[in-house]
Amino acid sequence: MRISTITPYTFHNHQSRYLQPAVINTWRKYQLELIEELLAKGEPLILGGDGRADSPGHCAKYGTYTMMDLGSGKVLDLQIVQVNILNLYFKINIKSPSNFDKN
């Protein structure tokens, strides 16, 4: 068909130089504006978070963790994490029932 296209190298170069910084910059501006808006209300924030590492029957190397304000239903942050690091974090930080105070 003799259609001119860019090479994969050029595509990834444009993506890393222009697209990704633009998306990150836009997200950070939105995030700051949202947090300022929520704090300006003077009400306490009620935050909730949840992580997802894979779908049933699949194995994933990476997962996402989302934090949102439950009052407004707006997402405040989203992180992509490596699953084995997330598993290590939970093994270290979650107490077993025998560690809870019995008072």
PDB file of N, CA and C in Angstrom:
ATOM      1  N   MET A   1       0.816  -1.189   0.000  1.00  0.00           N
ATOM      2  CA  MET A   1       0.000   0.000   0.000  1.00  0.00           C
ATOM      3  C   MET A   1       0.864   1.258   0.000  1.00  0.00           C
ATOM      4  N   ARG A   2       2.101   1.116   0.376  1.00  0.00           N
ATOM      5  CA  ARG A   2       3.059   2.229   0.351  1.00  0.00           C
ATOM      6  C   ARG A   2       2.581   3.448   1.146  1.00  0.00           C
ATOM      7  N   ILE A   3       2.096   3.201   2.353  1.00  0.00           N
ATOM      8  CA  ILE A   3       1.647   4.282   3.228  1.00  0.00           C
ATOM      9  C   ILE A   3       2.801   4.614   4.183  1.00  0.00           C
ATOM     10  N   SER A   4       3.143   5.868   4.246  1.00  0.00           N
ATOM     11  CA  SER A   4       4.209   6.295   5.152  1.00  0.00           C
ATOM     12  C   SER A   4       3.707   6.287   6.588  1.00  0.00           C
ATOM     13  N   THR A   5       4.498   5.726   7.461  1.00  0.00           N
ATOM     14  CA  THR A   5       4.169   5.717   8.883  1.00  0.00           C
ATOM     15  C   THR A   5       5.438   6.038   9.669  1.00  0.00           C
ATOM     16  N   ILE A   6       5.255   6.294  10.930  1.00  0.00           N
ATOM     17  CA  ILE A   6       6.424   6.518  11.777  1.00  0.00           C
ATOM     18  C   ILE A   6       6.908   5.169  12.305  1.00  0.00           C
ATOM     19  N   THR A   7       8.150   5.128  12.668  1.00  0.00           N
ATOM     20  CA  THR A   7       8.721   3.885  13.201  1.00  0.00           C
ATOM     21  C   THR A   7       8.296   3.703  14.652  1.00  0.00           C
ATOM     22  N   PRO A   8       8.358   2.480  15.161  1.00  0.00           N
ATOM     23  CA  PRO A   8       8.065   2.273  16.585  1.00  0.00           C
ATOM     24  C   PRO A   8       8.960   3.136  17.485  1.00  0.00           C
ATOM     25  N   TYR A   9      10.211   3.312  17.106  1.00  0.00           N
ATOM     26  CA  TYR A   9      11.123   4.148  17.890  1.00  0.00           C
ATOM     27  C   TYR A   9      10.588   5.577  17.969  1.00  0.00           C
ATOM     28  N   THR A  10      10.161   6.135  16.831  1.00  0.00           N
ATOM     29  CA  THR A  10       9.635   7.500  16.807  1.00  0.00           C
ATOM     30  C   THR A  10       8.351   7.601  17.628  1.00  0.00           C
ATOM     31  N   PHE A  11       7.484   6.592  17.519  1.00  0.00           N
ATOM     32  CA  PHE A  11       6.245   6.581  18.295  1.00  0.00           C
ATOM     33  C   PHE A  11       6.552   6.620  19.788  1.00  0.00           C
ATOM     34  N   HIS A  12       7.423   5.734  20.257  1.00  0.00           N
ATOM     35  CA  HIS A  12       7.754   5.683  21.689  1.00  0.00           C
ATOM     36  C   HIS A  12       8.484   6.939  22.137  1.00  0.00           C
ATOM     37  N   ASN A  13       9.296   7.508  21.253  1.00  0.00           N
ATOM     38  CA  ASN A  13       9.991   8.747  21.562  1.00  0.00           C
ATOM     39  C   ASN A  13       8.987   9.890  21.760  1.00  0.00           C
ATOM     40  N   HIS A  14       8.020  10.034  20.847  1.00  0.00           N
ATOM     41  CA  HIS A  14       6.998  11.069  20.977  1.00  0.00           C
ATOM     42  C   HIS A  14       6.130  10.827  22.213  1.00  0.00           C
ATOM     43  N   GLN A  15       5.831   9.573  22.450  1.00  0.00           N
ATOM     44  CA  GLN A  15       4.997   9.236  23.597  1.00  0.00           C
ATOM     45  C   GLN A  15       5.681   9.626  24.904  1.00  0.00           C
ATOM     46  N   SER A  16       6.964   9.289  25.053  1.00  0.00           N
ATOM     47  CA  SER A  16       7.656   9.582  26.304  1.00  0.00           C
ATOM     48  C   SER A  16       8.015  11.057  26.448  1.00  0.00           C
ATOM     49  N   ARG A  17       8.243  11.740  25.339  1.00  0.00           N
ATOM     50  CA  ARG A  17       8.614  13.158  25.405  1.00  0.00           C
ATOM     51  C   ARG A  17       7.421  14.100  25.512  1.00  0.00           C
ATOM     52  N   TYR A  18       6.299  13.764  24.877  1.00  0.00           N
ATOM     53  CA  TYR A  18       5.185  14.700  24.790  1.00  0.00           C
ATOM     54  C   TYR A  18       3.896  14.204  25.439  1.00  0.00           C
ATOM     55  N   LEU A  19       3.466  13.007  25.083  1.00  0.00           N
ATOM     56  CA  LEU A  19       2.171  12.528  25.550  1.00  0.00           C
ATOM     57  C   LEU A  19       2.167  12.253  27.049  1.00  0.00           C
ATOM     58  N   GLN A  20       3.100  11.442  27.530  1.00  0.00           N
ATOM     59  CA  GLN A  20       3.114  11.102  28.950  1.00  0.00           C
ATOM     60  C   GLN A  20       3.279  12.328  29.848  1.00  0.00           C
ATOM     61  N   PRO A  21       4.215  13.252  29.561  1.00  0.00           N
ATOM     62  CA  PRO A  21       4.301  14.449  30.403  1.00  0.00           C
ATOM     63  C   PRO A  21       3.016  15.287  30.388  1.00  0.00           C
ATOM     64  N   ALA A  22       2.350  15.366  29.230  1.00  0.00           N
ATOM     65  CA  ALA A  22       1.102  16.127  29.157  1.00  0.00           C
ATOM     66  C   ALA A  22       0.012  15.489  30.013  1.00  0.00           C
ATOM     67  N   VAL A  23      -0.101  14.175  29.962  1.00  0.00           N
ATOM     68  CA  VAL A  23      -1.109  13.470  30.762  1.00  0.00           C
ATOM     69  C   VAL A  23      -0.799  13.623  32.245  1.00  0.00           C
ATOM     70  N   ILE A  24       0.455  13.435  32.623  1.00  0.00           N
ATOM     71  CA  ILE A  24       0.854  13.552  34.031  1.00  0.00           C
ATOM     72  C   ILE A  24       0.611  14.971  34.535  1.00  0.00           C
ATOM     73  N   ASN A  25       0.968  15.976  33.751  1.00  0.00           N
ATOM     74  CA  ASN A  25       0.770  17.366  34.141  1.00  0.00           C
ATOM     75  C   ASN A  25      -0.715  17.686  34.313  1.00  0.00           C
ATOM     76  N   THR A  26      -1.542  17.231  33.383  1.00  0.00           N
ATOM     77  CA  THR A  26      -2.984  17.467  33.463  1.00  0.00           C
ATOM     78  C   THR A  26      -3.574  16.783  34.693  1.00  0.00           C
ATOM     79  N   TRP A  27      -3.166  15.548  34.964  1.00  0.00           N
ATOM     80  CA  TRP A  27      -3.670  14.817  36.132  1.00  0.00           C
ATOM     81  C   TRP A  27      -3.279  15.518  37.418  1.00  0.00           C
ATOM     82  N   ARG A  28      -2.026  15.988  37.526  1.00  0.00           N
ATOM     83  CA  ARG A  28      -1.568  16.659  38.748  1.00  0.00           C
ATOM     84  C   ARG A  28      -2.325  17.964  38.979  1.00  0.00           C
ATOM     85  N   LYS A  29      -2.575  18.725  37.916  1.00  0.00           N
ATOM     86  CA  LYS A  29      -3.360  19.963  38.058  1.00  0.00           C
ATOM     87  C   LYS A  29      -4.762  19.645  38.543  1.00  0.00           C
ATOM     88  N   TYR A  30      -5.392  18.642  37.936  1.00  0.00           N
ATOM     89  CA  TYR A  30      -6.741  18.236  38.340  1.00  0.00           C
ATOM     90  C   TYR A  30      -6.743  17.789  39.796  1.00  0.00           C
ATOM     91  N   GLN A  31      -5.743  17.003  40.167  1.00  0.00           N
ATOM     92  CA  GLN A  31      -5.637  16.483  41.527  1.00  0.00           C
ATOM     93  C   GLN A  31      -5.523  17.620  42.532  1.00  0.00           C
ATOM     94  N   LEU A  32      -4.654  18.594  42.271  1.00  0.00           N
ATOM     95  CA  LEU A  32      -4.491  19.731  43.177  1.00  0.00           C
ATOM     96  C   LEU A  32      -5.770  20.549  43.285  1.00  0.00           C
ATOM     97  N   GLU A  33      -6.416  20.823  42.163  1.00  0.00           N
ATOM     98  CA  GLU A  33      -7.672  21.580  42.177  1.00  0.00           C
ATOM     99  C   GLU A  33      -8.750  20.833  42.966  1.00  0.00           C
ATOM    100  N   LEU A  34      -8.821  19.543  42.786  1.00  0.00           N
ATOM    101  CA  LEU A  34      -9.817  18.733  43.488  1.00  0.00           C
ATOM    102  C   LEU A  34      -9.567  18.736  44.990  1.00  0.00           C
ATOM    103  N   ILE A  35      -8.332  18.550  45.404  1.00  0.00           N
ATOM    104  CA  ILE A  35      -8.004  18.539  46.829  1.00  0.00           C
ATOM    105  C   ILE A  35      -8.287  19.902  47.454  1.00  0.00           C
ATOM    106  N   GLU A  36      -7.919  20.982  46.760  1.00  0.00           N
ATOM    107  CA  GLU A  36      -8.208  22.329  47.262  1.00  0.00           C
ATOM    108  C   GLU A  36      -9.711  22.548  47.392  1.00  0.00           C
ATOM    109  N   GLU A  37     -10.466  22.080  46.409  1.00  0.00           N
ATOM    110  CA  GLU A  37     -11.929  22.212  46.433  1.00  0.00           C
ATOM    111  C   GLU A  37     -12.520  21.468  47.626  1.00  0.00           C
ATOM    112  N   LEU A  38     -12.057  20.251  47.861  1.00  0.00           N
ATOM    113  CA  LEU A  38     -12.585  19.449  48.969  1.00  0.00           C
ATOM    114  C   LEU A  38     -12.194  20.036  50.315  1.00  0.00           C
ATOM    115  N   LEU A  39     -10.958  20.529  50.437  1.00  0.00           N
ATOM    116  CA  LEU A  39     -10.510  21.124  51.698  1.00  0.00           C
ATOM    117  C   LEU A  39     -11.207  22.453  51.966  1.00  0.00           C
ATOM    118  N   ALA A  40     -11.561  23.195  50.921  1.00  0.00           N
ATOM    119  CA  ALA A  40     -12.224  24.495  51.077  1.00  0.00           C
ATOM    120  C   ALA A  40     -13.608  24.349  51.705  1.00  0.00           C
ATOM    121  N   LYS A  41     -14.213  23.191  51.578  1.00  0.00           N
ATOM    122  CA  LYS A  41     -15.529  22.966  52.177  1.00  0.00           C
ATOM    123  C   LYS A  41     -15.452  22.962  53.700  1.00  0.00           C
ATOM    124  N   GLY A  42     -14.269  22.720  54.245  1.00  0.00           N
ATOM    125  CA  GLY A  42     -14.093  22.717  55.690  1.00  0.00           C
ATOM    126  C   GLY A  42     -14.601  21.471  56.382  1.00  0.00           C
ATOM    127  N   GLU A  43     -15.013  20.499  55.631  1.00  0.00           N
ATOM    128  CA  GLU A  43     -15.505  19.244  56.205  1.00  0.00           C
ATOM    129  C   GLU A  43     -14.379  18.221  56.201  1.00  0.00           C
ATOM    130  N   PRO A  44     -14.410  17.297  57.153  1.00  0.00           N
ATOM    131  CA  PRO A  44     -13.377  16.250  57.133  1.00  0.00           C
ATOM    132  C   PRO A  44     -13.532  15.363  55.897  1.00  0.00           C
ATOM    133  N   LEU A  45     -12.412  14.940  55.353  1.00  0.00           N
ATOM    134  CA  LEU A  45     -12.436  14.027  54.218  1.00  0.00           C
ATOM    135  C   LEU A  45     -12.643  12.612  54.725  1.00  0.00           C
ATOM    136  N   ILE A  46     -13.465  11.876  54.034  1.00  0.00           N
ATOM    137  CA  ILE A  46     -13.651  10.460  54.328  1.00  0.00           C
ATOM    138  C   ILE A  46     -13.060   9.718  53.141  1.00  0.00           C
ATOM    139  N   LEU A  47     -11.907   9.126  53.363  1.00  0.00           N
ATOM    140  CA  LEU A  47     -11.179   8.489  52.268  1.00  0.00           C
ATOM    141  C   LEU A  47     -11.343   6.977  52.310  1.00  0.00           C
ATOM    142  N   GLY A  48     -11.388   6.394  51.139  1.00  0.00           N
ATOM    143  CA  GLY A  48     -11.432   4.946  51.007  1.00  0.00           C
ATOM    144  C   GLY A  48     -10.503   4.538  49.885  1.00  0.00           C
ATOM    145  N   GLY A  49      -9.915   3.376  50.027  1.00  0.00           N
ATOM    146  CA  GLY A  49      -9.010   2.902  49.000  1.00  0.00           C
ATOM    147  C   GLY A  49      -9.210   1.430  48.741  1.00  0.00           C
ATOM    148  N   ASP A  50      -8.829   1.014  47.555  1.00  0.00           N
ATOM    149  CA  ASP A  50      -8.939  -0.391  47.202  1.00  0.00           C
ATOM    150  C   ASP A  50      -7.904  -0.717  46.141  1.00  0.00           C
ATOM    151  N   GLY A  51      -7.420  -1.928  46.202  1.00  0.00           N
ATOM    152  CA  GLY A  51      -6.440  -2.374  45.222  1.00  0.00           C
ATOM    153  C   GLY A  51      -6.973  -3.541  44.416  1.00  0.00           C
ATOM    154  N   ARG A  52      -6.490  -3.642  43.206  1.00  0.00           N
ATOM    155  CA  ARG A  52      -6.857  -4.756  42.331  1.00  0.00           C
ATOM    156  C   ARG A  52      -5.595  -5.229  41.632  1.00  0.00           C
ATOM    157  N   ALA A  53      -5.285  -6.498  41.828  1.00  0.00           N
ATOM    158  CA  ALA A  53      -4.047  -7.027  41.271  1.00  0.00           C
ATOM    159  C   ALA A  53      -4.272  -7.855  40.017  1.00  0.00           C
ATOM    160  N   ASP A  54      -5.373  -8.559  39.917  1.00  0.00           N
ATOM    161  CA  ASP A  54      -5.634  -9.353  38.717  1.00  0.00           C
ATOM    162  C   ASP A  54      -7.091  -9.779  38.690  1.00  0.00           C
ATOM    163  N   SER A  55      -7.485 -10.298  37.579  1.00  0.00           N
ATOM    164  CA  SER A  55      -8.829 -10.832  37.423  1.00  0.00           C
ATOM    165  C   SER A  55      -8.814 -12.309  37.810  1.00  0.00           C
ATOM    166  N   PRO A  56      -9.950 -12.850  38.249  1.00  0.00           N
ATOM    167  CA  PRO A  56      -9.974 -14.268  38.586  1.00  0.00           C
ATOM    168  C   PRO A  56      -9.500 -15.128  37.408  1.00  0.00           C
ATOM    169  N   GLY A  57      -8.606 -16.059  37.692  1.00  0.00           N
ATOM    170  CA  GLY A  57      -8.091 -16.938  36.655  1.00  0.00           C
ATOM    171  C   GLY A  57      -6.896 -16.399  35.918  1.00  0.00           C
ATOM    172  N   HIS A  58      -6.464 -15.214  36.271  1.00  0.00           N
ATOM    173  CA  HIS A  58      -5.310 -14.602  35.617  1.00  0.00           C
ATOM    174  C   HIS A  58      -4.248 -14.261  36.659  1.00  0.00           C
ATOM    175  N   CYS A  59      -3.051 -14.074  36.214  1.00  0.00           N
ATOM    176  CA  CYS A  59      -1.966 -13.680  37.096  1.00  0.00           C
ATOM    177  C   CYS A  59      -1.360 -12.396  36.533  1.00  0.00           C
ATOM    178  N   ALA A  60      -1.190 -11.411  37.387  1.00  0.00           N
ATOM    179  CA  ALA A  60      -0.682 -10.132  36.914  1.00  0.00           C
ATOM    180  C   ALA A  60       0.583  -9.756  37.661  1.00  0.00           C
ATOM    181  N   LYS A  61       1.457  -9.043  36.994  1.00  0.00           N
ATOM    182  CA  LYS A  61       2.667  -8.541  37.631  1.00  0.00           C
ATOM    183  C   LYS A  61       2.382  -7.207  38.318  1.00  0.00           C
ATOM    184  N   TYR A  62       1.451  -6.435  37.760  1.00  0.00           N
ATOM    185  CA  TYR A  62       1.131  -5.123  38.295  1.00  0.00           C
ATOM    186  C   TYR A  62      -0.331  -5.044  38.679  1.00  0.00           C
ATOM    187  N   GLY A  63      -0.615  -4.166  39.620  1.00  0.00           N
ATOM    188  CA  GLY A  63      -1.987  -3.922  40.031  1.00  0.00           C
ATOM    189  C   GLY A  63      -2.191  -2.437  40.229  1.00  0.00           C
ATOM    190  N   THR A  64      -3.424  -2.046  40.500  1.00  0.00           N
ATOM    191  CA  THR A  64      -3.723  -0.643  40.740  1.00  0.00           C
ATOM    192  C   THR A  64      -4.270  -0.471  42.151  1.00  0.00           C
ATOM    193  N   TYR A  65      -3.980   0.672  42.734  1.00  0.00           N
ATOM    194  CA  TYR A  65      -4.549   1.039  44.021  1.00  0.00           C
ATOM    195  C   TYR A  65      -5.173   2.407  43.849  1.00  0.00           C
ATOM    196  N   THR A  66      -6.450   2.534  44.177  1.00  0.00           N
ATOM    197  CA  THR A  66      -7.201   3.759  43.982  1.00  0.00           C
ATOM    198  C   THR A  66      -7.643   4.313  45.334  1.00  0.00           C
ATOM    199  N   MET A  67      -7.483   5.617  45.509  1.00  0.00           N
ATOM    200  CA  MET A  67      -7.926   6.304  46.724  1.00  0.00           C
ATOM    201  C   MET A  67      -8.962   7.340  46.310  1.00  0.00           C
ATOM    202  N   MET A  68     -10.122   7.332  46.993  1.00  0.00           N
ATOM    203  CA  MET A  68     -11.170   8.276  46.626  1.00  0.00           C
ATOM    204  C   MET A  68     -11.798   8.906  47.853  1.00  0.00           C
ATOM    205  N   ASP A  69     -12.391  10.072  47.655  1.00  0.00           N
ATOM    206  CA  ASP A  69     -13.171  10.727  48.692  1.00  0.00           C
ATOM    207  C   ASP A  69     -14.577  10.135  48.629  1.00  0.00           C
ATOM    208  N   LEU A  70     -14.991   9.493  49.712  1.00  0.00           N
ATOM    209  CA  LEU A  70     -16.282   8.801  49.698  1.00  0.00           C
ATOM    210  C   LEU A  70     -17.457   9.770  49.720  1.00  0.00           C
ATOM    211  N   GLY A  71     -17.240  10.988  50.217  1.00  0.00           N
ATOM    212  CA  GLY A  71     -18.314  11.988  50.240  1.00  0.00           C
ATOM    213  C   GLY A  71     -18.695  12.464  48.849  1.00  0.00           C
ATOM    214  N   SER A  72     -17.701  12.736  48.028  1.00  0.00           N
ATOM    215  CA  SER A  72     -17.968  13.248  46.679  1.00  0.00           C
ATOM    216  C   SER A  72     -17.940  12.150  45.620  1.00  0.00           C
ATOM    217  N   GLY A  73     -17.311  11.012  45.954  1.00  0.00           N
ATOM    218  CA  GLY A  73     -17.175   9.929  44.986  1.00  0.00           C
ATOM    219  C   GLY A  73     -16.118  10.200  43.935  1.00  0.00           C
ATOM    220  N   LYS A  74     -15.209  11.141  44.223  1.00  0.00           N
ATOM    221  CA  LYS A  74     -14.173  11.494  43.250  1.00  0.00           C
ATOM    222  C   LYS A  74     -12.850  10.825  43.599  1.00  0.00           C
ATOM    223  N   VAL A  75     -12.156  10.357  42.576  1.00  0.00           N
ATOM    224  CA  VAL A  75     -10.871   9.686  42.752  1.00  0.00           C
ATOM    225  C   VAL A  75      -9.801  10.745  43.005  1.00  0.00           C
ATOM    226  N   LEU A  76      -9.053  10.580  44.111  1.00  0.00           N
ATOM    227  CA  LEU A  76      -7.982  11.513  44.458  1.00  0.00           C
ATOM    228  C   LEU A  76      -6.622  11.035  43.979  1.00  0.00           C
ATOM    229  N   ASP A  77      -6.442   9.731  43.919  1.00  0.00           N
ATOM    230  CA  ASP A  77      -5.148   9.219  43.492  1.00  0.00           C
ATOM    231  C   ASP A  77      -5.306   7.809  42.947  1.00  0.00           C
ATOM    232  N   LEU A  78      -4.414   7.468  42.040  1.00  0.00           N
ATOM    233  CA  LEU A  78      -4.366   6.145  41.436  1.00  0.00           C
ATOM    234  C   LEU A  78      -2.903   5.786  41.276  1.00  0.00           C
ATOM    235  N   GLN A  79      -2.526   4.634  41.792  1.00  0.00           N
ATOM    236  CA  GLN A  79      -1.134   4.192  41.709  1.00  0.00           C
ATOM    237  C   GLN A  79      -1.071   2.822  41.055  1.00  0.00           C
ATOM    238  N   ILE A  80      -0.072   2.625  40.237  1.00  0.00           N
ATOM    239  CA  ILE A  80       0.204   1.315  39.673  1.00  0.00           C
ATOM    240  C   ILE A  80       1.334   0.726  40.499  1.00  0.00           C
ATOM    241  N   VAL A  81       1.114  -0.457  41.045  1.00  0.00           N
ATOM    242  CA  VAL A  81       2.096  -1.077  41.935  1.00  0.00           C
ATOM    243  C   VAL A  81       2.445  -2.471  41.440  1.00  0.00           C
ATOM    244  N   GLN A  82       3.650  -2.884  41.761  1.00  0.00           N
ATOM    245  CA  GLN A  82       4.071  -4.234  41.426  1.00  0.00           C
ATOM    246  C   GLN A  82       3.463  -5.180  42.453  1.00  0.00           C
ATOM    247  N   VAL A  83       2.826  -6.231  41.995  1.00  0.00           N
ATOM    248  CA  VAL A  83       2.047  -7.105  42.865  1.00  0.00           C
ATOM    249  C   VAL A  83       2.891  -7.709  43.982  1.00  0.00           C
ATOM    250  N   ASN A  84       4.102  -8.161  43.704  1.00  0.00           N
ATOM    251  CA  ASN A  84       4.892  -8.792  44.764  1.00  0.00           C
ATOM    252  C   ASN A  84       5.266  -7.780  45.848  1.00  0.00           C
ATOM    253  N   ILE A  85       5.410  -6.511  45.513  1.00  0.00           N
ATOM    254  CA  ILE A  85       5.679  -5.482  46.520  1.00  0.00           C
ATOM    255  C   ILE A  85       4.423  -5.224  47.335  1.00  0.00           C
ATOM    256  N   LEU A  86       3.261  -5.208  46.685  1.00  0.00           N
ATOM    257  CA  LEU A  86       1.995  -5.026  47.379  1.00  0.00           C
ATOM    258  C   LEU A  86       1.754  -6.178  48.344  1.00  0.00           C
ATOM    259  N   ASN A  87       2.013  -7.410  47.924  1.00  0.00           N
ATOM    260  CA  ASN A  87       1.849  -8.564  48.801  1.00  0.00           C
ATOM    261  C   ASN A  87       2.767  -8.468  50.008  1.00  0.00           C
ATOM    262  N   LEU A  88       4.007  -8.037  49.809  1.00  0.00           N
ATOM    263  CA  LEU A  88       4.960  -7.874  50.905  1.00  0.00           C
ATOM    264  C   LEU A  88       4.452  -6.837  51.887  1.00  0.00           C
ATOM    265  N   TYR A  89       3.916  -5.721  51.385  1.00  0.00           N
ATOM    266  CA  TYR A  89       3.386  -4.668  52.235  1.00  0.00           C
ATOM    267  C   TYR A  89       2.278  -5.214  53.130  1.00  0.00           C
ATOM    268  N   PHE A  90       1.343  -5.966  52.559  1.00  0.00           N
ATOM    269  CA  PHE A  90       0.242  -6.491  53.355  1.00  0.00           C
ATOM    270  C   PHE A  90       0.718  -7.535  54.359  1.00  0.00           C
ATOM    271  N   LYS A  91       1.697  -8.350  54.000  1.00  0.00           N
ATOM    272  CA  LYS A  91       2.219  -9.339  54.945  1.00  0.00           C
ATOM    273  C   LYS A  91       2.860  -8.667  56.141  1.00  0.00           C
ATOM    274  N   ILE A  92       3.510  -7.537  55.925  1.00  0.00           N
ATOM    275  CA  ILE A  92       4.187  -6.827  57.005  1.00  0.00           C
ATOM    276  C   ILE A  92       3.198  -6.051  57.858  1.00  0.00           C
ATOM    277  N   ASN A  93       2.194  -5.401  57.252  1.00  0.00           N
ATOM    278  CA  ASN A  93       1.341  -4.458  57.954  1.00  0.00           C
ATOM    279  C   ASN A  93       0.037  -5.016  58.505  1.00  0.00           C
ATOM    280  N   ILE A  94      -0.428  -6.120  58.020  1.00  0.00           N
ATOM    281  CA  ILE A  94      -1.680  -6.674  58.528  1.00  0.00           C
ATOM    282  C   ILE A  94      -1.369  -7.590  59.699  1.00  0.00           C
ATOM    283  N   LYS A  95      -2.019  -7.301  60.820  1.00  0.00           N
ATOM    284  CA  LYS A  95      -1.791  -8.103  62.016  1.00  0.00           C
ATOM    285  C   LYS A  95      -2.660  -9.359  61.977  1.00  0.00           C
ATOM    286  N   SER A  96      -2.145 -10.410  62.529  1.00  0.00           N
ATOM    287  CA  SER A  96      -2.962 -11.614  62.641  1.00  0.00           C
ATOM    288  C   SER A  96      -3.887 -11.446  63.843  1.00  0.00           C
ATOM    289  N   PRO A  97      -5.001 -12.197  63.896  1.00  0.00           N
ATOM    290  CA  PRO A  97      -5.949 -12.057  65.014  1.00  0.00           C
ATOM    291  C   PRO A  97      -5.290 -12.243  66.374  1.00  0.00           C
ATOM    292  N   SER A  98      -4.249 -13.038  66.460  1.00  0.00           N
ATOM    293  CA  SER A  98      -3.596 -13.268  67.749  1.00  0.00           C
ATOM    294  C   SER A  98      -2.826 -12.030  68.213  1.00  0.00           C
ATOM    295  N   ASN A  99      -2.567 -11.069  67.339  1.00  0.00           N
ATOM    296  CA  ASN A  99      -1.842  -9.861  67.727  1.00  0.00           C
ATOM    297  C   ASN A  99      -2.738  -8.748  68.232  1.00  0.00           C
ATOM    298  N   PHE A 100      -4.065  -8.867  68.059  1.00  0.00           N
ATOM    299  CA  PHE A 100      -4.967  -7.805  68.494  1.00  0.00           C
ATOM    300  C   PHE A 100      -5.109  -7.844  70.021  1.00  0.00           C
ATOM    301  N   ASP A 101      -5.329  -6.655  70.578  1.00  0.00           N
ATOM    302  CA  ASP A 101      -5.557  -6.571  72.026  1.00  0.00           C
ATOM    303  C   ASP A 101      -6.847  -7.288  72.367  1.00  0.00           C
ATOM    304  N   LYS A 102      -6.864  -7.954  73.493  1.00  0.00           N
ATOM    305  CA  LYS A 102      -8.045  -8.719  73.903  1.00  0.00           C
ATOM    306  C   LYS A 102      -8.844  -7.936  74.929  1.00  0.00           C
ATOM    307  N   ASN A 103      -8.594  -6.628  75.068  1.00  0.00           N
ATOM    308  CA  ASN A 103      -9.330  -5.799  76.052  1.00  0.00           C
ATOM    309  C   ASN A 103     -10.701  -5.468  75.563  1.00  0.00           C
TER     310      ASN A 103
END
